[in-house]
Amino acid sequence: MTSCTDFREDLSSFAFGDLPPRRMGEIGLHVGACAACRAELRGIELLLVLTESLLGLVDEIVEFVTRLHLPTSLLVVGAMGFG
């Protein structure tokens, strides 16, 4: 019998679709039947969405600063709280 630990280590790769088809199927079946792993997968997926959103925002800020012809070093210093 397999346990959640056999699947949890691959949940991030599953969310990215970076596993072989057979493993994707195994994890998909497990997640379909296991509320705890399903919740963990939802958390991982939410983090992916938030990360993509933040990266998009950073790209927009860099583009804005570039259009202002300000040194991008000011952006880094300001983001780190030193500005």
N, C-alpha and C. Protein backbone atom coordinates (compact mmCIF):
# COMPACT_ATOMS: atom_id res chain seq x y z
N MET A 1 0.84 -1.19 0.00
CA MET A 1 0.00 0.00 0.00
C MET A 1 0.88 1.25 0.00
N THR A 2 0.48 2.22 -0.76
CA THR A 2 1.24 3.46 -0.82
C THR A 2 0.64 4.49 0.13
N SER A 3 1.50 5.38 0.58
CA SER A 3 1.03 6.43 1.49
C SER A 3 1.20 7.79 0.83
N CYS A 4 0.67 8.80 1.47
CA CYS A 4 0.77 10.16 0.94
C CYS A 4 2.21 10.57 0.72
N THR A 5 3.12 10.11 1.57
CA THR A 5 4.52 10.49 1.42
C THR A 5 5.09 10.01 0.09
N ASP A 6 4.54 8.94 -0.44
CA ASP A 6 4.99 8.45 -1.74
C ASP A 6 4.59 9.40 -2.87
N PHE A 7 3.63 10.26 -2.62
CA PHE A 7 3.12 11.17 -3.65
C PHE A 7 3.50 12.62 -3.40
N ARG A 8 3.58 13.04 -2.15
CA ARG A 8 3.79 14.46 -1.84
C ARG A 8 5.09 15.01 -2.40
N GLU A 9 6.12 14.19 -2.44
CA GLU A 9 7.39 14.69 -2.95
C GLU A 9 7.32 15.06 -4.44
N ASP A 10 6.32 14.53 -5.14
CA ASP A 10 6.18 14.81 -6.56
C ASP A 10 5.05 15.79 -6.89
N LEU A 11 4.39 16.34 -5.88
CA LEU A 11 3.25 17.21 -6.16
C LEU A 11 3.64 18.48 -6.93
N SER A 12 4.78 19.06 -6.62
CA SER A 12 5.21 20.26 -7.36
C SER A 12 5.48 19.92 -8.82
N SER A 13 6.17 18.83 -9.05
CA SER A 13 6.44 18.40 -10.43
C SER A 13 5.13 18.06 -11.15
N PHE A 14 4.19 17.50 -10.42
CA PHE A 14 2.87 17.20 -10.99
C PHE A 14 2.18 18.49 -11.41
N ALA A 15 2.25 19.52 -10.56
CA ALA A 15 1.61 20.80 -10.86
C ALA A 15 2.22 21.43 -12.11
N PHE A 16 3.52 21.23 -12.32
CA PHE A 16 4.20 21.76 -13.50
C PHE A 16 4.02 20.85 -14.71
N GLY A 17 3.52 19.63 -14.49
CA GLY A 17 3.39 18.68 -15.59
C GLY A 17 4.72 18.10 -16.02
N ASP A 18 5.67 18.05 -15.08
CA ASP A 18 7.04 17.64 -15.39
C ASP A 18 7.35 16.18 -15.03
N LEU A 19 6.35 15.34 -15.01
CA LEU A 19 6.57 13.94 -14.67
C LEU A 19 6.23 13.06 -15.87
N PRO A 20 6.80 11.86 -15.88
CA PRO A 20 6.42 10.92 -16.94
C PRO A 20 4.91 10.63 -16.88
N PRO A 21 4.31 10.31 -18.02
CA PRO A 21 2.85 10.09 -18.06
C PRO A 21 2.34 9.10 -17.03
N ARG A 22 3.05 8.02 -16.82
CA ARG A 22 2.59 7.02 -15.85
C ARG A 22 2.52 7.61 -14.44
N ARG A 23 3.58 8.36 -14.06
CA ARG A 23 3.61 8.96 -12.72
C ARG A 23 2.53 10.03 -12.60
N MET A 24 2.32 10.80 -13.66
CA MET A 24 1.25 11.81 -13.66
C MET A 24 -0.09 11.12 -13.38
N GLY A 25 -0.32 9.99 -14.01
CA GLY A 25 -1.57 9.25 -13.80
C GLY A 25 -1.70 8.73 -12.39
N GLU A 26 -0.61 8.19 -11.85
CA GLU A 26 -0.64 7.67 -10.48
C GLU A 26 -0.98 8.79 -9.49
N ILE A 27 -0.31 9.91 -9.64
CA ILE A 27 -0.55 11.02 -8.72
C ILE A 27 -1.95 11.59 -8.92
N GLY A 28 -2.38 11.68 -10.16
CA GLY A 28 -3.74 12.16 -10.43
C GLY A 28 -4.79 11.30 -9.76
N LEU A 29 -4.62 10.00 -9.81
CA LEU A 29 -5.56 9.10 -9.14
C LEU A 29 -5.53 9.29 -7.63
N HIS A 30 -4.33 9.39 -7.09
CA HIS A 30 -4.20 9.56 -5.64
C HIS A 30 -4.83 10.88 -5.19
N VAL A 31 -4.50 11.96 -5.90
CA VAL A 31 -5.02 13.28 -5.53
C VAL A 31 -6.55 13.30 -5.63
N GLY A 32 -7.07 12.56 -6.58
CA GLY A 32 -8.53 12.48 -6.73
C GLY A 32 -9.20 11.83 -5.53
N ALA A 33 -8.45 10.97 -4.85
CA ALA A 33 -9.03 10.23 -3.72
C ALA A 33 -8.57 10.73 -2.35
N CYS A 34 -7.57 11.60 -2.32
CA CYS A 34 -6.99 12.02 -1.04
C CYS A 34 -7.18 13.52 -0.84
N ALA A 35 -8.01 13.88 0.10
CA ALA A 35 -8.32 15.29 0.36
C ALA A 35 -7.08 16.06 0.83
N ALA A 36 -6.23 15.44 1.62
CA ALA A 36 -5.04 16.13 2.14
C ALA A 36 -4.07 16.48 1.00
N CYS A 37 -3.81 15.53 0.13
CA CYS A 37 -2.90 15.80 -1.00
C CYS A 37 -3.55 16.75 -2.00
N ARG A 38 -4.84 16.66 -2.16
CA ARG A 38 -5.56 17.58 -3.05
C ARG A 38 -5.43 19.02 -2.53
N ALA A 39 -5.56 19.19 -1.22
CA ALA A 39 -5.42 20.52 -0.61
C ALA A 39 -3.99 21.02 -0.77
N GLU A 40 -3.01 20.16 -0.59
CA GLU A 40 -1.62 20.57 -0.76
C GLU A 40 -1.35 20.95 -2.21
N LEU A 41 -1.90 20.19 -3.14
CA LEU A 41 -1.74 20.51 -4.56
C LEU A 41 -2.38 21.85 -4.88
N ARG A 42 -3.55 22.13 -4.33
CA ARG A 42 -4.20 23.42 -4.55
C ARG A 42 -3.32 24.56 -4.04
N GLY A 43 -2.67 24.34 -2.90
CA GLY A 43 -1.76 25.34 -2.35
C GLY A 43 -0.58 25.58 -3.28
N ILE A 44 -0.03 24.53 -3.82
CA ILE A 44 1.09 24.65 -4.76
C ILE A 44 0.64 25.39 -6.01
N GLU A 45 -0.52 25.04 -6.52
CA GLU A 45 -1.05 25.71 -7.72
C GLU A 45 -1.31 27.19 -7.46
N LEU A 46 -1.80 27.51 -6.28
CA LEU A 46 -2.02 28.91 -5.92
C LEU A 46 -0.70 29.67 -5.87
N LEU A 47 0.33 29.05 -5.30
CA LEU A 47 1.65 29.68 -5.26
C LEU A 47 2.18 29.93 -6.67
N LEU A 48 1.94 28.99 -7.57
CA LEU A 48 2.38 29.16 -8.96
C LEU A 48 1.69 30.36 -9.61
N VAL A 49 0.38 30.47 -9.39
CA VAL A 49 -0.38 31.59 -9.96
C VAL A 49 0.10 32.91 -9.37
N LEU A 50 0.29 32.94 -8.06
CA LEU A 50 0.76 34.17 -7.42
C LEU A 50 2.16 34.55 -7.89
N THR A 51 3.03 33.57 -8.03
CA THR A 51 4.39 33.83 -8.50
C THR A 51 4.37 34.39 -9.91
N GLU A 52 3.56 33.79 -10.79
CA GLU A 52 3.45 34.29 -12.16
C GLU A 52 2.92 35.72 -12.17
N SER A 53 1.95 36.01 -11.30
CA SER A 53 1.40 37.36 -11.22
C SER A 53 2.45 38.36 -10.76
N LEU A 54 3.22 37.98 -9.74
CA LEU A 54 4.27 38.86 -9.23
C LEU A 54 5.35 39.10 -10.27
N LEU A 55 5.72 38.05 -10.99
CA LEU A 55 6.73 38.22 -12.03
C LEU A 55 6.23 39.15 -13.12
N GLY A 56 4.96 39.04 -13.45
CA GLY A 56 4.37 39.95 -14.43
C GLY A 56 4.40 41.38 -13.94
N LEU A 57 4.12 41.57 -12.66
CA LEU A 57 4.15 42.91 -12.07
C LEU A 57 5.56 43.48 -12.08
N VAL A 58 6.53 42.65 -11.76
CA VAL A 58 7.93 43.10 -11.78
C VAL A 58 8.31 43.51 -13.20
N ASP A 59 7.89 42.72 -14.20
CA ASP A 59 8.18 43.09 -15.59
C ASP A 59 7.58 44.44 -15.93
N GLU A 60 6.35 44.68 -15.48
CA GLU A 60 5.71 45.97 -15.75
C GLU A 60 6.44 47.12 -15.08
N ILE A 61 6.91 46.91 -13.86
CA ILE A 61 7.65 47.95 -13.14
C ILE A 61 8.96 48.25 -13.84
N VAL A 62 9.67 47.21 -14.25
CA VAL A 62 10.94 47.40 -14.95
C VAL A 62 10.70 48.15 -16.26
N GLU A 63 9.64 47.79 -16.97
CA GLU A 63 9.31 48.48 -18.22
C GLU A 63 9.01 49.96 -17.94
N PHE A 64 8.26 50.23 -16.89
CA PHE A 64 7.93 51.60 -16.52
C PHE A 64 9.18 52.41 -16.19
N VAL A 65 10.06 51.82 -15.37
CA VAL A 65 11.30 52.50 -14.99
C VAL A 65 12.17 52.73 -16.22
N THR A 66 12.19 51.77 -17.13
CA THR A 66 12.96 51.91 -18.36
C THR A 66 12.45 53.07 -19.19
N ARG A 67 11.13 53.21 -19.26
CA ARG A 67 10.54 54.32 -20.03
C ARG A 67 10.86 55.67 -19.39
N LEU A 68 11.07 55.68 -18.10
CA LEU A 68 11.44 56.93 -17.41
C LEU A 68 12.92 57.24 -17.54
N HIS A 69 13.66 56.29 -18.10
CA HIS A 69 15.11 56.43 -18.28
C HIS A 69 15.82 56.59 -16.94
N LEU A 70 15.29 55.91 -15.91
CA LEU A 70 15.96 55.88 -14.60
C LEU A 70 16.84 54.65 -14.54
N PRO A 71 17.91 54.71 -13.79
CA PRO A 71 18.75 53.51 -13.64
C PRO A 71 17.95 52.41 -12.93
N THR A 72 18.02 51.20 -13.46
CA THR A 72 17.30 50.09 -12.83
C THR A 72 17.84 49.79 -11.44
N SER A 73 19.05 50.24 -11.13
CA SER A 73 19.59 50.03 -9.79
C SER A 73 18.72 50.72 -8.75
N LEU A 74 18.06 51.82 -9.12
CA LEU A 74 17.15 52.48 -8.19
C LEU A 74 15.97 51.57 -7.87
N LEU A 75 15.51 50.83 -8.85
CA LEU A 75 14.40 49.90 -8.63
C LEU A 75 14.81 48.83 -7.62
N VAL A 76 15.99 48.28 -7.79
CA VAL A 76 16.46 47.22 -6.89
C VAL A 76 16.63 47.78 -5.48
N VAL A 77 17.25 48.93 -5.36
CA VAL A 77 17.48 49.54 -4.04
C VAL A 77 16.14 49.85 -3.38
N GLY A 78 15.20 50.41 -4.13
CA GLY A 78 13.88 50.71 -3.57
C GLY A 78 13.12 49.47 -3.15
N ALA A 79 13.22 48.40 -3.93
CA ALA A 79 12.51 47.15 -3.62
C ALA A 79 13.08 46.51 -2.36
N MET A 80 14.36 46.74 -2.11
CA MET A 80 14.99 46.15 -0.93
C MET A 80 14.78 46.99 0.31
N GLY A 81 14.14 48.15 0.16
CA GLY A 81 13.86 48.99 1.31
C GLY A 81 14.98 49.93 1.69
N PHE A 82 15.93 50.11 0.79
CA PHE A 82 17.06 50.99 1.09
C PHE A 82 16.90 52.36 0.48
N GLY A 83 15.82 52.57 -0.26
CA GLY A 83 15.69 53.81 -1.00
C GLY A 83 14.99 54.89 -0.26
